[in-house]
């Protein structure tokens, strides 16, 4: 159980880092592109 929780936390952290700048914590271009594509699909 501890190992599964540790892996889930690492996966969540990895997901956050893939969408946010590590220095500022602000959303990055990948995050923007995904959100824009979603908004275009909805429109």
ModelCIF file with pLDDT and N, C-alpha, C, O atoms, coordinates in Angstrom:
data_MODEL
#
_entry.id   MODEL 
#
_entity.id                         1 
_entity.type                       polymer 
_entity.pdbx_number_of_molecules   1 
#
_entity_poly.entity_id                      1 
_entity_poly.type                           'polypeptide(L)' 
_entity_poly.nstd_linkage                   no 
_entity_poly.nstd_monomer                   no 
_entity_poly.pdbx_seq_one_letter_code       
;(UNK)(UNK)(UNK)(UNK)(UNK)(UNK)(UNK)(UNK)(UNK)(UNK)(UNK)(UNK)(UNK)(UNK)(UNK)(UNK)
(UNK)(UNK)(UNK)(UNK)(UNK)(UNK)(UNK)(UNK)(UNK)(UNK)(UNK)(UNK)(UNK)(UNK)(UNK)(UNK)
(UNK)(UNK)(UNK)(UNK)(UNK)(UNK)(UNK)(UNK)(UNK)(UNK)(UNK)
;
_entity_poly.pdbx_seq_one_letter_code_can   XXXXXXXXXXXXXXXXXXXXXXXXXXXXXXXXXXXXXXXXXXX 
_entity_poly.pdbx_strand_id                 A 
#
loop_
_entity_poly_seq.entity_id 
_entity_poly_seq.num 
_entity_poly_seq.mon_id 
_entity_poly_seq.hetero 
1 1  UNK n 
1 2  UNK n 
1 3  UNK n 
1 4  UNK n 
1 5  UNK n 
1 6  UNK n 
1 7  UNK n 
1 8  UNK n 
1 9  UNK n 
1 10 UNK n 
1 11 UNK n 
1 12 UNK n 
1 13 UNK n 
1 14 UNK n 
1 15 UNK n 
1 16 UNK n 
1 17 UNK n 
1 18 UNK n 
1 19 UNK n 
1 20 UNK n 
1 21 UNK n 
1 22 UNK n 
1 23 UNK n 
1 24 UNK n 
1 25 UNK n 
1 26 UNK n 
1 27 UNK n 
1 28 UNK n 
1 29 UNK n 
1 30 UNK n 
1 31 UNK n 
1 32 UNK n 
1 33 UNK n 
1 34 UNK n 
1 35 UNK n 
1 36 UNK n 
1 37 UNK n 
1 38 UNK n 
1 39 UNK n 
1 40 UNK n 
1 41 UNK n 
1 42 UNK n 
1 43 UNK n 
#
_struct_asym.id          A 
_struct_asym.entity_id   1 
#
loop_
_ma_qa_metric.id 
_ma_qa_metric.mode 
_ma_qa_metric.name 
_ma_qa_metric.software_group_id 
_ma_qa_metric.type 
1 global pLDDT . pLDDT 
2 local  pLDDT . pLDDT 
#
_ma_qa_metric_global.metric_id      1 
_ma_qa_metric_global.metric_value   93.35 
_ma_qa_metric_global.model_id       1 
_ma_qa_metric_global.ordinal_id     1 
#
loop_
_ma_qa_metric_local.label_asym_id 
_ma_qa_metric_local.label_comp_id 
_ma_qa_metric_local.label_seq_id 
_ma_qa_metric_local.metric_id 
_ma_qa_metric_local.metric_value 
_ma_qa_metric_local.model_id 
_ma_qa_metric_local.ordinal_id 
A UNK 1  2 90.00 1 1  
A UNK 2  2 91.00 1 2  
A UNK 3  2 92.00 1 3  
A UNK 4  2 94.00 1 4  
A UNK 5  2 93.00 1 5  
A UNK 6  2 93.00 1 6  
A UNK 7  2 93.00 1 7  
A UNK 8  2 94.00 1 8  
A UNK 9  2 93.00 1 9  
A UNK 10 2 93.00 1 10 
A UNK 11 2 94.00 1 11 
A UNK 12 2 93.00 1 12 
A UNK 13 2 91.00 1 13 
A UNK 14 2 93.00 1 14 
A UNK 15 2 91.00 1 15 
A UNK 16 2 91.00 1 16 
A UNK 17 2 90.00 1 17 
A UNK 18 2 92.00 1 18 
A UNK 19 2 93.00 1 19 
A UNK 20 2 94.00 1 20 
A UNK 21 2 92.00 1 21 
A UNK 22 2 88.00 1 22 
A UNK 23 2 91.00 1 23 
A UNK 24 2 92.00 1 24 
A UNK 25 2 90.00 1 25 
A UNK 26 2 93.00 1 26 
A UNK 27 2 94.00 1 27 
A UNK 28 2 94.00 1 28 
A UNK 29 2 92.00 1 29 
A UNK 30 2 93.00 1 30 
A UNK 31 2 94.00 1 31 
A UNK 32 2 94.00 1 32 
A UNK 33 2 94.00 1 33 
A UNK 34 2 95.00 1 34 
A UNK 35 2 95.00 1 35 
A UNK 36 2 96.00 1 36 
A UNK 37 2 97.00 1 37 
A UNK 38 2 97.00 1 38 
A UNK 39 2 97.00 1 39 
A UNK 40 2 97.00 1 40 
A UNK 41 2 97.00 1 41 
A UNK 42 2 97.00 1 42 
A UNK 43 2 97.00 1 43 
#
loop_
_atom_site.group_PDB 
_atom_site.id 
_atom_site.type_symbol 
_atom_site.label_atom_id 
_atom_site.label_alt_id 
_atom_site.label_comp_id 
_atom_site.label_asym_id 
_atom_site.label_entity_id 
_atom_site.label_seq_id 
_atom_site.pdbx_PDB_ins_code 
_atom_site.Cartn_x 
_atom_site.Cartn_y 
_atom_site.Cartn_z 
_atom_site.occupancy 
_atom_site.B_iso_or_equiv 
_atom_site.pdbx_formal_charge 
_atom_site.auth_seq_id 
_atom_site.auth_comp_id 
_atom_site.auth_asym_id 
_atom_site.auth_atom_id 
_atom_site.pdbx_PDB_model_num 
ATOM 1   N N  . UNK A 1 1  ? 0.827   -1.204 0.000   1.00 90.00 ? 1  UNK A N  1 
ATOM 2   C CA . UNK A 1 1  ? 0.000   0.000  0.000   1.00 90.00 ? 1  UNK A CA 1 
ATOM 3   C C  . UNK A 1 1  ? 0.864   1.258  0.000   1.00 90.00 ? 1  UNK A C  1 
ATOM 4   O O  . UNK A 1 1  ? 0.580   2.206  -0.732  1.00 90.00 ? 1  UNK A O  1 
ATOM 5   N N  . UNK A 1 2  ? 1.916   1.272  0.816   1.00 91.00 ? 2  UNK A N  1 
ATOM 6   C CA . UNK A 1 2  ? 2.826   2.414  0.851   1.00 91.00 ? 2  UNK A CA 1 
ATOM 7   C C  . UNK A 1 2  ? 3.491   2.629  -0.498  1.00 91.00 ? 2  UNK A C  1 
ATOM 8   O O  . UNK A 1 2  ? 3.638   3.764  -0.951  1.00 91.00 ? 2  UNK A O  1 
ATOM 9   N N  . UNK A 1 3  ? 3.891   1.541  -1.137  1.00 92.00 ? 3  UNK A N  1 
ATOM 10  C CA . UNK A 1 3  ? 4.534   1.629  -2.447  1.00 92.00 ? 3  UNK A CA 1 
ATOM 11  C C  . UNK A 1 3  ? 3.564   2.170  -3.496  1.00 92.00 ? 3  UNK A C  1 
ATOM 12  O O  . UNK A 1 3  ? 3.953   2.992  -4.326  1.00 92.00 ? 3  UNK A O  1 
ATOM 13  N N  . UNK A 1 4  ? 2.323   1.727  -3.472  1.00 94.00 ? 4  UNK A N  1 
ATOM 14  C CA . UNK A 1 4  ? 1.317   2.209  -4.416  1.00 94.00 ? 4  UNK A CA 1 
ATOM 15  C C  . UNK A 1 4  ? 1.049   3.698  -4.213  1.00 94.00 ? 4  UNK A C  1 
ATOM 16  O O  . UNK A 1 4  ? 0.925   4.448  -5.182  1.00 94.00 ? 4  UNK A O  1 
ATOM 17  N N  . UNK A 1 5  ? 0.961   4.122  -2.961  1.00 93.00 ? 5  UNK A N  1 
ATOM 18  C CA . UNK A 1 5  ? 0.757   5.544  -2.675  1.00 93.00 ? 5  UNK A CA 1 
ATOM 19  C C  . UNK A 1 5  ? 1.949   6.376  -3.144  1.00 93.00 ? 5  UNK A C  1 
ATOM 20  O O  . UNK A 1 5  ? 1.776   7.475  -3.671  1.00 93.00 ? 5  UNK A O  1 
ATOM 21  N N  . UNK A 1 6  ? 3.148   5.852  -2.951  1.00 93.00 ? 6  UNK A N  1 
ATOM 22  C CA . UNK A 1 6  ? 4.352   6.540  -3.392  1.00 93.00 ? 6  UNK A CA 1 
ATOM 23  C C  . UNK A 1 6  ? 4.379   6.678  -4.916  1.00 93.00 ? 6  UNK A C  1 
ATOM 24  O O  . UNK A 1 6  ? 4.725   7.737  -5.440  1.00 93.00 ? 6  UNK A O  1 
ATOM 25  N N  . UNK A 1 7  ? 4.019   5.618  -5.615  1.00 93.00 ? 7  UNK A N  1 
ATOM 26  C CA . UNK A 1 7  ? 3.970   5.659  -7.076  1.00 93.00 ? 7  UNK A CA 1 
ATOM 27  C C  . UNK A 1 7  ? 2.911   6.624  -7.580  1.00 93.00 ? 7  UNK A C  1 
ATOM 28  O O  . UNK A 1 7  ? 3.142   7.347  -8.550  1.00 93.00 ? 7  UNK A O  1 
ATOM 29  N N  . UNK A 1 8  ? 1.751   6.644  -6.932  1.00 94.00 ? 8  UNK A N  1 
ATOM 30  C CA . UNK A 1 8  ? 0.681   7.565  -7.321  1.00 94.00 ? 8  UNK A CA 1 
ATOM 31  C C  . UNK A 1 8  ? 1.103   9.014  -7.115  1.00 94.00 ? 8  UNK A C  1 
ATOM 32  O O  . UNK A 1 8  ? 0.813   9.878  -7.943  1.00 94.00 ? 8  UNK A O  1 
ATOM 33  N N  . UNK A 1 9  ? 1.791   9.274  -6.004  1.00 93.00 ? 9  UNK A N  1 
ATOM 34  C CA . UNK A 1 9  ? 2.278   10.624 -5.738  1.00 93.00 ? 9  UNK A CA 1 
ATOM 35  C C  . UNK A 1 9  ? 3.312   11.041 -6.790  1.00 93.00 ? 9  UNK A C  1 
ATOM 36  O O  . UNK A 1 9  ? 3.280   12.167 -7.284  1.00 93.00 ? 9  UNK A O  1 
ATOM 37  N N  . UNK A 1 10 ? 4.226   10.129 -7.128  1.00 93.00 ? 10 UNK A N  1 
ATOM 38  C CA . UNK A 1 10 ? 5.234   10.422 -8.142  1.00 93.00 ? 10 UNK A CA 1 
ATOM 39  C C  . UNK A 1 10 ? 4.596   10.666 -9.498  1.00 93.00 ? 10 UNK A C  1 
ATOM 40  O O  . UNK A 1 10 ? 5.023   11.555 -10.235 1.00 93.00 ? 10 UNK A O  1 
ATOM 41  N N  . UNK A 1 11 ? 3.582   9.887  -9.834  1.00 94.00 ? 11 UNK A N  1 
ATOM 42  C CA . UNK A 1 11 ? 2.872   10.049 -11.107 1.00 94.00 ? 11 UNK A CA 1 
ATOM 43  C C  . UNK A 1 11 ? 2.164   11.411 -11.159 1.00 94.00 ? 11 UNK A C  1 
ATOM 44  O O  . UNK A 1 11 ? 2.177   12.090 -12.186 1.00 94.00 ? 11 UNK A O  1 
ATOM 45  N N  . UNK A 1 12 ? 1.557   11.789 -10.055 1.00 93.00 ? 12 UNK A N  1 
ATOM 46  C CA . UNK A 1 12 ? 0.877   13.079 -9.975  1.00 93.00 ? 12 UNK A CA 1 
ATOM 47  C C  . UNK A 1 12 ? 1.873   14.231 -10.108 1.00 93.00 ? 12 UNK A C  1 
ATOM 48  O O  . UNK A 1 12 ? 1.607   15.214 -10.800 1.00 93.00 ? 12 UNK A O  1 
ATOM 49  N N  . UNK A 1 13 ? 3.007   14.103 -9.448  1.00 91.00 ? 13 UNK A N  1 
ATOM 50  C CA . UNK A 1 13 ? 4.050   15.132 -9.531  1.00 91.00 ? 13 UNK A CA 1 
ATOM 51  C C  . UNK A 1 13 ? 4.592   15.231 -10.949 1.00 91.00 ? 13 UNK A C  1 
ATOM 52  O O  . UNK A 1 13 ? 4.830   16.333 -11.443 1.00 91.00 ? 13 UNK A O  1 
ATOM 53  N N  . UNK A 1 14 ? 4.789   14.104 -11.604 1.00 93.00 ? 14 UNK A N  1 
ATOM 54  C CA . UNK A 1 14 ? 5.267   14.075 -12.989 1.00 93.00 ? 14 UNK A CA 1 
ATOM 55  C C  . UNK A 1 14 ? 4.260   14.764 -13.914 1.00 93.00 ? 14 UNK A C  1 
ATOM 56  O O  . UNK A 1 14 ? 4.643   15.536 -14.792 1.00 93.00 ? 14 UNK A O  1 
ATOM 57  N N  . UNK A 1 15 ? 2.995   14.484 -13.713 1.00 91.00 ? 15 UNK A N  1 
ATOM 58  C CA . UNK A 1 15 ? 1.943   15.121 -14.521 1.00 91.00 ? 15 UNK A CA 1 
ATOM 59  C C  . UNK A 1 15 ? 1.964   16.630 -14.331 1.00 91.00 ? 15 UNK A C  1 
ATOM 60  O O  . UNK A 1 15 ? 1.853   17.385 -15.297 1.00 91.00 ? 15 UNK A O  1 
ATOM 61  N N  . UNK A 1 16 ? 2.104   17.064 -13.095 1.00 91.00 ? 16 UNK A N  1 
ATOM 62  C CA . UNK A 1 16 ? 2.146   18.503 -12.816 1.00 91.00 ? 16 UNK A CA 1 
ATOM 63  C C  . UNK A 1 16 ? 3.359   19.146 -13.488 1.00 91.00 ? 16 UNK A C  1 
ATOM 64  O O  . UNK A 1 16 ? 3.239   20.207 -14.101 1.00 91.00 ? 16 UNK A O  1 
ATOM 65  N N  . UNK A 1 17 ? 4.522   18.509 -13.377 1.00 90.00 ? 17 UNK A N  1 
ATOM 66  C CA . UNK A 1 17 ? 5.733   19.066 -13.962 1.00 90.00 ? 17 UNK A CA 1 
ATOM 67  C C  . UNK A 1 17 ? 5.688   19.085 -15.488 1.00 90.00 ? 17 UNK A C  1 
ATOM 68  O O  . UNK A 1 17 ? 6.344   19.920 -16.110 1.00 90.00 ? 17 UNK A O  1 
ATOM 69  N N  . UNK A 1 18 ? 4.936   18.190 -16.091 1.00 92.00 ? 18 UNK A N  1 
ATOM 70  C CA . UNK A 1 18 ? 4.843   18.178 -17.552 1.00 92.00 ? 18 UNK A CA 1 
ATOM 71  C C  . UNK A 1 18 ? 3.965   19.301 -18.079 1.00 92.00 ? 18 UNK A C  1 
ATOM 72  O O  . UNK A 1 18 ? 4.015   19.614 -19.269 1.00 92.00 ? 18 UNK A O  1 
ATOM 73  N N  . UNK A 1 19 ? 3.161   19.913 -17.213 1.00 93.00 ? 19 UNK A N  1 
ATOM 74  C CA . UNK A 1 19 ? 2.263   20.982 -17.634 1.00 93.00 ? 19 UNK A CA 1 
ATOM 75  C C  . UNK A 1 19 ? 2.589   22.341 -17.019 1.00 93.00 ? 19 UNK A C  1 
ATOM 76  O O  . UNK A 1 19 ? 1.930   23.334 -17.329 1.00 93.00 ? 19 UNK A O  1 
ATOM 77  N N  . UNK A 1 20 ? 3.595   22.395 -16.154 1.00 94.00 ? 20 UNK A N  1 
ATOM 78  C CA . UNK A 1 20 ? 3.929   23.646 -15.476 1.00 94.00 ? 20 UNK A CA 1 
ATOM 79  C C  . UNK A 1 20 ? 5.436   23.875 -15.475 1.00 94.00 ? 20 UNK A C  1 
ATOM 80  O O  . UNK A 1 20 ? 6.218   22.925 -15.443 1.00 94.00 ? 20 UNK A O  1 
ATOM 81  N N  . UNK A 1 21 ? 5.833   25.136 -15.511 1.00 92.00 ? 21 UNK A N  1 
ATOM 82  C CA . UNK A 1 21 ? 7.233   25.500 -15.441 1.00 92.00 ? 21 UNK A CA 1 
ATOM 83  C C  . UNK A 1 21 ? 7.782   25.159 -14.063 1.00 92.00 ? 21 UNK A C  1 
ATOM 84  O O  . UNK A 1 21 ? 7.159   25.478 -13.050 1.00 92.00 ? 21 UNK A O  1 
ATOM 85  N N  . UNK A 1 22 ? 8.938   24.516 -14.018 1.00 88.00 ? 22 UNK A N  1 
ATOM 86  C CA . UNK A 1 22 ? 9.481   24.083 -12.731 1.00 88.00 ? 22 UNK A CA 1 
ATOM 87  C C  . UNK A 1 22 ? 9.988   25.248 -11.891 1.00 88.00 ? 22 UNK A C  1 
ATOM 88  O O  . UNK A 1 22 ? 10.023  25.148 -10.664 1.00 88.00 ? 22 UNK A O  1 
ATOM 89  N N  . UNK A 1 23 ? 10.378  26.345 -12.521 1.00 91.00 ? 23 UNK A N  1 
ATOM 90  C CA . UNK A 1 23 ? 10.890  27.497 -11.781 1.00 91.00 ? 23 UNK A CA 1 
ATOM 91  C C  . UNK A 1 23 ? 9.767   28.367 -11.236 1.00 91.00 ? 23 UNK A C  1 
ATOM 92  O O  . UNK A 1 23 ? 9.777   28.736 -10.061 1.00 91.00 ? 23 UNK A O  1 
ATOM 93  N N  . UNK A 1 24 ? 8.798   28.695 -12.089 1.00 92.00 ? 24 UNK A N  1 
ATOM 94  C CA . UNK A 1 24 ? 7.738   29.625 -11.686 1.00 92.00 ? 24 UNK A CA 1 
ATOM 95  C C  . UNK A 1 24 ? 6.461   28.939 -11.228 1.00 92.00 ? 24 UNK A C  1 
ATOM 96  O O  . UNK A 1 24 ? 5.665   29.525 -10.495 1.00 92.00 ? 24 UNK A O  1 
ATOM 97  N N  . UNK A 1 25 ? 6.263   27.680 -11.664 1.00 90.00 ? 25 UNK A N  1 
ATOM 98  C CA . UNK A 1 25 ? 5.029   26.982 -11.340 1.00 90.00 ? 25 UNK A CA 1 
ATOM 99  C C  . UNK A 1 25 ? 3.868   27.386 -12.234 1.00 90.00 ? 25 UNK A C  1 
ATOM 100 O O  . UNK A 1 25 ? 2.746   26.918 -12.039 1.00 90.00 ? 25 UNK A O  1 
ATOM 101 N N  . UNK A 1 26 ? 4.120   28.249 -13.210 1.00 93.00 ? 26 UNK A N  1 
ATOM 102 C CA . UNK A 1 26 ? 3.066   28.692 -14.123 1.00 93.00 ? 26 UNK A CA 1 
ATOM 103 C C  . UNK A 1 26 ? 2.826   27.651 -15.214 1.00 93.00 ? 26 UNK A C  1 
ATOM 104 O O  . UNK A 1 26 ? 3.734   26.895 -15.561 1.00 93.00 ? 26 UNK A O  1 
ATOM 105 N N  . UNK A 1 27 ? 1.610   27.610 -15.755 1.00 94.00 ? 27 UNK A N  1 
ATOM 106 C CA . UNK A 1 27 ? 1.320   26.673 -16.843 1.00 94.00 ? 27 UNK A CA 1 
ATOM 107 C C  . UNK A 1 27 ? 2.251   26.916 -18.034 1.00 94.00 ? 27 UNK A C  1 
ATOM 108 O O  . UNK A 1 27 ? 2.613   28.057 -18.322 1.00 94.00 ? 27 UNK A O  1 
ATOM 109 N N  . UNK A 1 28 ? 2.631   25.846 -18.718 1.00 94.00 ? 28 UNK A N  1 
ATOM 110 C CA . UNK A 1 28 ? 3.541   25.966 -19.851 1.00 94.00 ? 28 UNK A CA 1 
ATOM 111 C C  . UNK A 1 28 ? 2.796   25.868 -21.183 1.00 94.00 ? 28 UNK A C  1 
ATOM 112 O O  . UNK A 1 28 ? 1.567   25.811 -21.222 1.00 94.00 ? 28 UNK A O  1 
ATOM 113 N N  . UNK A 1 29 ? 3.556   25.851 -22.257 1.00 92.00 ? 29 UNK A N  1 
ATOM 114 C CA . UNK A 1 29 ? 2.982   25.831 -23.610 1.00 92.00 ? 29 UNK A CA 1 
ATOM 115 C C  . UNK A 1 29 ? 2.181   24.558 -23.858 1.00 92.00 ? 29 UNK A C  1 
ATOM 116 O O  . UNK A 1 29 ? 1.144   24.604 -24.520 1.00 92.00 ? 29 UNK A O  1 
ATOM 117 N N  . UNK A 1 30 ? 2.638   23.435 -23.345 1.00 93.00 ? 30 UNK A N  1 
ATOM 118 C CA . UNK A 1 30 ? 1.905   22.167 -23.522 1.00 93.00 ? 30 UNK A CA 1 
ATOM 119 C C  . UNK A 1 30 ? 0.522   22.256 -22.875 1.00 93.00 ? 30 UNK A C  1 
ATOM 120 O O  . UNK A 1 30 ? -0.476  21.846 -23.468 1.00 93.00 ? 30 UNK A O  1 
ATOM 121 N N  . UNK A 1 31 ? 0.472   22.792 -21.663 1.00 94.00 ? 31 UNK A N  1 
ATOM 122 C CA . UNK A 1 31 ? -0.797  22.985 -20.956 1.00 94.00 ? 31 UNK A CA 1 
ATOM 123 C C  . UNK A 1 31 ? -1.716  23.897 -21.773 1.00 94.00 ? 31 UNK A C  1 
ATOM 124 O O  . UNK A 1 31 ? -2.896  23.602 -21.958 1.00 94.00 ? 31 UNK A O  1 
ATOM 125 N N  . UNK A 1 32 ? -1.153  25.015 -22.261 1.00 94.00 ? 32 UNK A N  1 
ATOM 126 C CA . UNK A 1 32 ? -1.929  25.948 -23.067 1.00 94.00 ? 32 UNK A CA 1 
ATOM 127 C C  . UNK A 1 32 ? -2.482  25.281 -24.318 1.00 94.00 ? 32 UNK A C  1 
ATOM 128 O O  . UNK A 1 32 ? -3.653  25.457 -24.654 1.00 94.00 ? 32 UNK A O  1 
ATOM 129 N N  . UNK A 1 33 ? -1.640  24.513 -25.011 1.00 94.00 ? 33 UNK A N  1 
ATOM 130 C CA . UNK A 1 33 ? -2.074  23.850 -26.245 1.00 94.00 ? 33 UNK A CA 1 
ATOM 131 C C  . UNK A 1 33 ? -3.211  22.871 -25.987 1.00 94.00 ? 33 UNK A C  1 
ATOM 132 O O  . UNK A 1 33 ? -4.170  22.814 -26.756 1.00 94.00 ? 33 UNK A O  1 
ATOM 133 N N  . UNK A 1 34 ? -3.108  22.106 -24.914 1.00 95.00 ? 34 UNK A N  1 
ATOM 134 C CA . UNK A 1 34 ? -4.162  21.148 -24.591 1.00 95.00 ? 34 UNK A CA 1 
ATOM 135 C C  . UNK A 1 34 ? -5.463  21.857 -24.239 1.00 95.00 ? 34 UNK A C  1 
ATOM 136 O O  . UNK A 1 34 ? -6.535  21.440 -24.677 1.00 95.00 ? 34 UNK A O  1 
ATOM 137 N N  . UNK A 1 35 ? -5.377  22.923 -23.455 1.00 95.00 ? 35 UNK A N  1 
ATOM 138 C CA . UNK A 1 35 ? -6.582  23.668 -23.077 1.00 95.00 ? 35 UNK A CA 1 
ATOM 139 C C  . UNK A 1 35 ? -7.223  24.347 -24.289 1.00 95.00 ? 35 UNK A C  1 
ATOM 140 O O  . UNK A 1 35 ? -8.447  24.381 -24.415 1.00 95.00 ? 35 UNK A O  1 
ATOM 141 N N  . UNK A 1 36 ? -6.377  24.891 -25.187 1.00 96.00 ? 36 UNK A N  1 
ATOM 142 C CA . UNK A 1 36 ? -6.896  25.526 -26.392 1.00 96.00 ? 36 UNK A CA 1 
ATOM 143 C C  . UNK A 1 36 ? -7.588  24.500 -27.281 1.00 96.00 ? 36 UNK A C  1 
ATOM 144 O O  . UNK A 1 36 ? -8.673  24.761 -27.801 1.00 96.00 ? 36 UNK A O  1 
ATOM 145 N N  . UNK A 1 37 ? -6.974  23.346 -27.456 1.00 97.00 ? 37 UNK A N  1 
ATOM 146 C CA . UNK A 1 37 ? -7.584  22.292 -28.279 1.00 97.00 ? 37 UNK A CA 1 
ATOM 147 C C  . UNK A 1 37 ? -8.928  21.863 -27.705 1.00 97.00 ? 37 UNK A C  1 
ATOM 148 O O  . UNK A 1 37 ? -9.883  21.648 -28.451 1.00 97.00 ? 37 UNK A O  1 
ATOM 149 N N  . UNK A 1 38 ? -9.005  21.738 -26.396 1.00 97.00 ? 38 UNK A N  1 
ATOM 150 C CA . UNK A 1 38 ? -10.264 21.379 -25.740 1.00 97.00 ? 38 UNK A CA 1 
ATOM 151 C C  . UNK A 1 38 ? -11.327 22.465 -25.973 1.00 97.00 ? 38 UNK A C  1 
ATOM 152 O O  . UNK A 1 38 ? -12.478 22.152 -26.277 1.00 97.00 ? 38 UNK A O  1 
ATOM 153 N N  . UNK A 1 39 ? -10.940 23.726 -25.831 1.00 97.00 ? 39 UNK A N  1 
ATOM 154 C CA . UNK A 1 39 ? -11.875 24.828 -26.048 1.00 97.00 ? 39 UNK A CA 1 
ATOM 155 C C  . UNK A 1 39 ? -12.356 24.864 -27.501 1.00 97.00 ? 39 UNK A C  1 
ATOM 156 O O  . UNK A 1 39 ? -13.531 25.120 -27.764 1.00 97.00 ? 39 UNK A O  1 
ATOM 157 N N  . UNK A 1 40 ? -11.449 24.610 -28.436 1.00 97.00 ? 40 UNK A N  1 
ATOM 158 C CA . UNK A 1 40 ? -11.837 24.571 -29.849 1.00 97.00 ? 40 UNK A CA 1 
ATOM 159 C C  . UNK A 1 40 ? -12.803 23.427 -30.130 1.00 97.00 ? 40 UNK A C  1 
ATOM 160 O O  . UNK A 1 40 ? -13.763 23.596 -30.882 1.00 97.00 ? 40 UNK A O  1 
ATOM 161 N N  . UNK A 1 41 ? -12.557 22.272 -29.535 1.00 97.00 ? 41 UNK A N  1 
ATOM 162 C CA . UNK A 1 41 ? -13.466 21.132 -29.693 1.00 97.00 ? 41 UNK A CA 1 
ATOM 163 C C  . UNK A 1 41 ? -14.855 21.461 -29.154 1.00 97.00 ? 41 UNK A C  1 
ATOM 164 O O  . UNK A 1 41 ? -15.863 21.149 -29.789 1.00 97.00 ? 41 UNK A O  1 
ATOM 165 N N  . UNK A 1 42 ? -14.905 22.086 -27.992 1.00 97.00 ? 42 UNK A N  1 
ATOM 166 C CA . UNK A 1 42 ? -16.203 22.466 -27.421 1.00 97.00 ? 42 UNK A CA 1 
ATOM 167 C C  . UNK A 1 42 ? -16.932 23.470 -28.303 1.00 97.00 ? 42 UNK A C  1 
ATOM 168 O O  . UNK A 1 42 ? -18.142 23.367 -28.504 1.00 97.00 ? 42 UNK A O  1 
ATOM 169 N N  . UNK A 1 43 ? -16.189 24.445 -28.830 1.00 97.00 ? 43 UNK A N  1 
ATOM 170 C CA . UNK A 1 43 ? -16.803 25.449 -29.700 1.00 97.00 ? 43 UNK A CA 1 
ATOM 171 C C  . UNK A 1 43 ? -17.352 24.801 -30.972 1.00 97.00 ? 43 UNK A C  1 
ATOM 172 O O  . UNK A 1 43 ? -17.906 25.492 -31.827 1.00 97.00 ? 43 UNK A O  1 
#
